[in-house]
Amino acid sequence: MPSPAAPDAAFAFTWLGHATFRMTTPGGRHLLFDPWLTSPTCPESARAIDRLDLMLLSHGHDDHIADAVQTARQTGAHVLAPYELSVWLQQKGLRHVTGMNPGGTIRISGLSIAMVPALHSSSIVEDGRLVYLGLAAGYVVTLENGLTFYFAGDTALFGDMRLIGEIYKPAIAFLPIGDLYTMGPEQAAKACELLGVKQVVPMHWGTFPGLTGTPAELRRLVEPRGVEVVELEPGETAR
């Protein structure tokens, strides 16, 4: 089993495969990041989301928002998304949507949530044409007990991760490691250094043959530097 993510066991996160995470905060809020619940790696038993307060979307690619509209409708969750993506969601009939841009912070449900940059594209194919959905982004979330984590979404390595570390001081980073479309393990290891985190949760790996980065390779690079890799199986929870 993964080791604790924080001294306060009330914070828990469950990996649902790819870049999808369910989280429960110390204040009892239920969060969902980048819902692709119909992915080949999401356990069947985890695909039904019955309770949800906030949904956070990093960008518009189908492997991150495929089940966002349906899940938001079913649960009534408040959705946070980059601005252009938020407009697209509202056009799909969602009403509880807040659009943001990198640099902005919102305080909601007892949490402080900052949107930060990511280096990645954002679009979806509809009716055979490519629809631009704005900037890709990441999130820095400060929980009710003061614990702060960084959810990178899909991104390349970029130097301003050092600023994210200096300004927000996250303890945990959720980082893509698959390579090809995002960082690989070597770049993710450098990201851990720039961010100054003590724990890293690898994501966006193993779903497709082209995603060749592995947690084992990340662990080889970061554990000698004192960074713990919290590796999860789809459906597994860390507390």
Protein backbone atom coordinates (compact mmCIF):
# COMPACT_ATOMS: atom_id res chain seq x y z
CA MET A 1 0.00 0.00 0.00
CA PRO A 2 1.18 3.58 -0.61
CA SER A 3 2.47 5.42 2.42
CA PRO A 4 0.42 8.30 3.84
CA ALA A 5 0.14 11.41 1.72
CA ALA A 6 -0.18 13.64 4.78
CA PRO A 7 -0.34 13.34 8.57
CA ASP A 8 -4.07 14.14 8.43
CA ALA A 9 -5.70 10.92 7.27
CA ALA A 10 -8.88 12.83 6.40
CA PHE A 11 -7.30 13.75 3.05
CA ALA A 12 -7.59 10.85 0.63
CA PHE A 13 -7.13 10.48 -3.11
CA THR A 14 -8.05 7.62 -5.41
CA TRP A 15 -6.52 7.13 -8.85
CA LEU A 16 -9.10 6.08 -11.40
CA GLY A 17 -6.54 5.57 -14.16
CA HIS A 18 -4.89 7.95 -16.63
CA ALA A 19 -5.24 11.47 -15.12
CA THR A 20 -8.52 10.99 -13.23
CA PHE A 21 -8.54 11.34 -9.45
CA ARG A 22 -11.25 11.39 -6.83
CA MET A 23 -10.35 13.20 -3.61
CA THR A 24 -11.90 13.73 -0.20
CA THR A 25 -10.71 16.78 1.73
CA PRO A 26 -10.35 17.15 5.52
CA GLY A 27 -13.55 19.21 5.47
CA GLY A 28 -15.47 16.43 3.73
CA ARG A 29 -15.54 17.96 0.24
CA HIS A 30 -15.51 15.58 -2.72
CA LEU A 31 -13.36 16.57 -5.71
CA LEU A 32 -12.90 15.01 -9.14
CA PHE A 33 -10.07 15.88 -11.53
CA ASP A 34 -10.16 15.32 -15.30
CA PRO A 35 -12.92 12.70 -15.49
CA TRP A 36 -12.33 9.99 -18.05
CA LEU A 37 -14.37 7.34 -16.29
CA THR A 38 -14.88 5.26 -19.41
CA SER A 39 -11.14 4.82 -19.97
CA PRO A 40 -9.79 1.29 -20.39
CA THR A 41 -7.97 1.58 -17.06
CA CYS A 42 -10.79 2.92 -14.86
CA PRO A 43 -12.27 0.10 -12.75
CA GLU A 44 -15.90 -0.65 -13.56
CA SER A 45 -16.80 -0.31 -9.88
CA ALA A 46 -15.43 3.25 -9.77
CA ARG A 47 -17.24 4.68 -12.79
CA ALA A 48 -20.39 5.75 -10.95
CA ILE A 49 -19.85 9.05 -9.11
CA ASP A 50 -22.69 9.52 -6.65
CA ARG A 51 -21.43 12.47 -4.61
CA LEU A 52 -19.37 15.36 -5.90
CA ASP A 53 -18.86 18.97 -4.85
CA LEU A 54 -16.20 20.24 -7.26
CA MET A 55 -14.93 19.07 -10.64
CA LEU A 56 -11.65 20.54 -11.85
CA LEU A 57 -10.71 20.28 -15.54
CA SER A 58 -7.21 20.99 -16.79
CA HIS A 59 -7.89 21.15 -20.55
CA GLY A 60 -10.23 20.02 -23.28
CA HIS A 61 -8.77 16.80 -24.64
CA ASP A 62 -11.17 13.90 -24.67
CA ASP A 63 -9.03 11.76 -22.39
CA HIS A 64 -9.54 14.39 -19.67
CA ILE A 65 -13.14 15.56 -20.12
CA ALA A 66 -14.92 12.67 -21.86
CA ASP A 67 -17.28 12.17 -18.93
CA ALA A 68 -17.32 15.70 -17.53
CA VAL A 69 -20.68 16.86 -18.85
CA GLN A 70 -22.59 13.74 -17.88
CA THR A 71 -21.02 13.55 -14.42
CA ALA A 72 -21.65 17.24 -13.72
CA ARG A 73 -25.29 16.85 -14.74
CA GLN A 74 -25.78 13.80 -12.56
CA THR A 75 -24.12 15.21 -9.46
CA GLY A 76 -24.77 18.96 -9.71
CA ALA A 77 -21.07 19.58 -9.06
CA HIS A 78 -19.56 23.03 -9.52
CA VAL A 79 -17.06 22.88 -12.38
CA LEU A 80 -13.82 24.86 -12.64
CA ALA A 81 -12.15 25.06 -16.06
CA PRO A 82 -10.02 27.28 -18.28
CA TYR A 83 -12.21 30.05 -19.67
CA GLU A 84 -12.81 28.84 -23.25
CA LEU A 85 -13.50 25.32 -22.00
CA SER A 86 -15.96 26.74 -19.46
CA VAL A 87 -17.89 28.46 -22.26
CA TRP A 88 -18.05 25.18 -24.20
CA LEU A 89 -19.38 23.42 -21.09
CA GLN A 90 -22.07 26.06 -20.64
CA GLN A 91 -23.07 25.57 -24.27
CA LYS A 92 -23.61 21.91 -23.37
CA GLY A 93 -26.13 23.01 -20.75
CA LEU A 94 -24.06 23.09 -17.58
CA ARG A 95 -24.91 25.99 -15.26
CA HIS A 96 -22.59 25.64 -12.29
CA VAL A 97 -19.38 26.50 -14.15
CA THR A 98 -16.62 28.97 -13.32
CA GLY A 99 -14.10 29.88 -15.99
CA MET A 100 -10.60 30.83 -14.90
CA ASN A 101 -7.26 31.74 -16.41
CA PRO A 102 -3.72 31.00 -15.18
CA GLY A 103 -2.79 33.37 -12.37
CA GLY A 104 -6.29 33.46 -10.90
CA THR A 105 -7.34 32.11 -7.51
CA ILE A 106 -10.81 31.22 -6.28
CA ARG A 107 -11.87 30.47 -2.73
CA ILE A 108 -14.70 27.99 -2.76
CA SER A 109 -16.07 25.36 -0.37
CA GLY A 110 -13.38 26.15 2.19
CA LEU A 111 -10.57 25.61 -0.33
CA SER A 112 -8.18 27.95 -2.07
CA ILE A 113 -7.71 26.94 -5.71
CA ALA A 114 -5.20 28.66 -7.98
CA MET A 115 -4.99 28.04 -11.70
CA VAL A 116 -1.41 27.88 -12.94
CA PRO A 117 0.11 27.49 -16.42
CA ALA A 118 0.69 24.26 -18.31
CA LEU A 119 2.48 23.71 -21.61
CA HIS A 120 0.06 21.67 -23.67
CA SER A 121 -2.67 22.02 -26.28
CA SER A 122 -6.42 21.95 -25.65
CA SER A 123 -9.11 20.99 -28.17
CA ILE A 124 -11.82 18.50 -28.99
CA VAL A 125 -13.14 17.05 -32.24
CA GLU A 126 -16.85 17.70 -32.86
CA ASP A 127 -18.69 16.82 -36.05
CA GLY A 128 -15.39 16.07 -37.72
CA ARG A 129 -13.76 19.41 -36.98
CA LEU A 130 -11.26 20.51 -34.37
CA VAL A 131 -12.66 22.91 -31.76
CA TYR A 132 -10.14 25.06 -29.87
CA LEU A 133 -10.78 25.08 -26.13
CA GLY A 134 -8.32 27.65 -24.84
CA LEU A 135 -5.25 27.21 -22.70
CA ALA A 136 -4.28 24.10 -20.82
CA ALA A 137 -3.73 24.65 -17.11
CA GLY A 138 -2.85 23.09 -13.79
CA TYR A 139 -4.21 23.68 -10.29
CA VAL A 140 -2.72 24.37 -6.88
CA VAL A 141 -5.18 23.48 -4.14
CA THR A 142 -4.84 24.44 -0.48
CA LEU A 143 -7.03 22.27 1.72
CA GLU A 144 -8.85 23.20 4.91
CA ASN A 145 -5.94 21.96 7.05
CA GLY A 146 -3.36 23.97 5.10
CA LEU A 147 -1.95 21.08 3.06
CA THR A 148 -1.23 22.23 -0.51
CA PHE A 149 -0.91 20.05 -3.60
CA TYR A 150 -0.23 20.71 -7.27
CA PHE A 151 -2.18 18.93 -10.01
CA ALA A 152 -0.24 19.54 -13.22
CA GLY A 153 -2.73 18.20 -15.76
CA ASP A 154 -0.94 17.48 -19.03
CA THR A 155 2.23 19.51 -19.41
CA ALA A 156 5.80 19.66 -20.54
CA LEU A 157 8.48 20.69 -18.09
CA PHE A 158 8.76 24.48 -17.81
CA GLY A 159 11.03 26.72 -15.75
CA ASP A 160 8.24 28.58 -13.96
CA MET A 161 7.48 25.44 -11.99
CA ARG A 162 10.12 26.90 -9.70
CA LEU A 163 7.82 29.90 -9.15
CA ILE A 164 4.91 27.58 -8.40
CA GLY A 165 7.09 25.99 -5.74
CA GLU A 166 8.24 29.32 -4.30
CA ILE A 167 4.80 30.93 -4.19
CA TYR A 168 2.51 28.04 -3.21
CA LYS A 169 4.93 25.59 -1.56
CA PRO A 170 3.05 22.39 -2.49
CA ALA A 171 3.87 19.28 -0.51
CA ILE A 172 2.55 16.85 -3.14
CA ALA A 173 2.66 16.98 -6.94
CA PHE A 174 0.46 14.98 -9.29
CA LEU A 175 2.60 14.80 -12.43
CA PRO A 176 2.26 13.18 -15.86
CA ILE A 177 5.13 10.82 -16.66
CA GLY A 178 4.03 8.96 -19.79
CA ASP A 179 6.15 10.89 -22.31
CA LEU A 180 5.11 11.45 -25.96
CA TYR A 181 2.28 13.88 -25.12
CA THR A 182 3.63 15.12 -21.76
CA MET A 183 6.72 14.97 -19.60
CA GLY A 184 8.50 11.68 -19.20
CA PRO A 185 10.10 10.49 -15.94
CA GLU A 186 13.32 12.46 -16.43
CA GLN A 187 11.48 15.75 -16.91
CA ALA A 188 9.05 14.92 -14.08
CA ALA A 189 12.04 14.34 -11.78
CA LYS A 190 13.31 17.81 -12.64
CA ALA A 191 9.81 19.17 -12.00
CA CYS A 192 9.93 17.70 -8.48
CA GLU A 193 13.20 19.56 -7.90
CA LEU A 194 11.81 22.86 -9.18
CA LEU A 195 8.61 22.48 -7.15
CA GLY A 196 10.37 21.41 -3.96
CA VAL A 197 7.79 18.70 -3.24
CA LYS A 198 8.27 15.81 -0.84
CA GLN A 199 5.89 13.43 -2.60
CA VAL A 200 4.95 12.85 -6.22
CA VAL A 201 2.00 10.91 -7.60
CA PRO A 202 2.63 9.72 -11.18
CA MET A 203 -0.25 9.86 -13.67
CA HIS A 204 -0.92 9.77 -17.42
CA TRP A 205 1.15 6.64 -17.91
CA GLY A 206 0.48 3.12 -19.17
CA THR A 207 -2.92 3.81 -20.74
CA PHE A 208 -1.66 3.51 -24.33
CA PRO A 209 1.41 1.75 -25.75
CA GLY A 210 2.95 5.12 -26.61
CA LEU A 211 3.01 6.22 -22.97
CA THR A 212 6.25 4.53 -22.08
CA GLY A 213 7.27 6.35 -18.89
CA THR A 214 7.00 4.31 -15.69
CA PRO A 215 6.84 5.02 -11.95
CA ALA A 216 9.86 2.75 -11.48
CA GLU A 217 11.98 5.04 -13.63
CA LEU A 218 10.70 8.11 -11.79
CA ARG A 219 11.44 6.45 -8.45
CA ARG A 220 15.01 5.70 -9.52
CA LEU A 221 15.54 9.38 -10.25
CA VAL A 222 13.83 11.08 -7.30
CA GLU A 223 14.09 8.82 -4.28
CA PRO A 224 17.85 9.47 -3.90
CA ARG A 225 16.85 13.16 -3.61
CA GLY A 226 14.41 12.43 -0.79
CA VAL A 227 11.18 12.52 -2.85
CA GLU A 228 8.70 9.71 -2.26
CA VAL A 229 6.82 8.25 -5.23
CA VAL A 230 3.23 7.35 -4.33
CA GLU A 231 2.41 4.74 -6.96
CA LEU A 232 -1.20 3.65 -7.18
CA GLU A 233 -3.07 0.98 -9.08
CA PRO A 234 -6.32 2.12 -10.71
CA GLY A 235 -8.97 2.17 -8.01
CA GLU A 236 -6.44 2.34 -5.16
CA THR A 237 -6.61 5.03 -2.49
CA ALA A 238 -3.83 6.79 -0.57
CA ARG A 239 -4.45 8.57 2.74
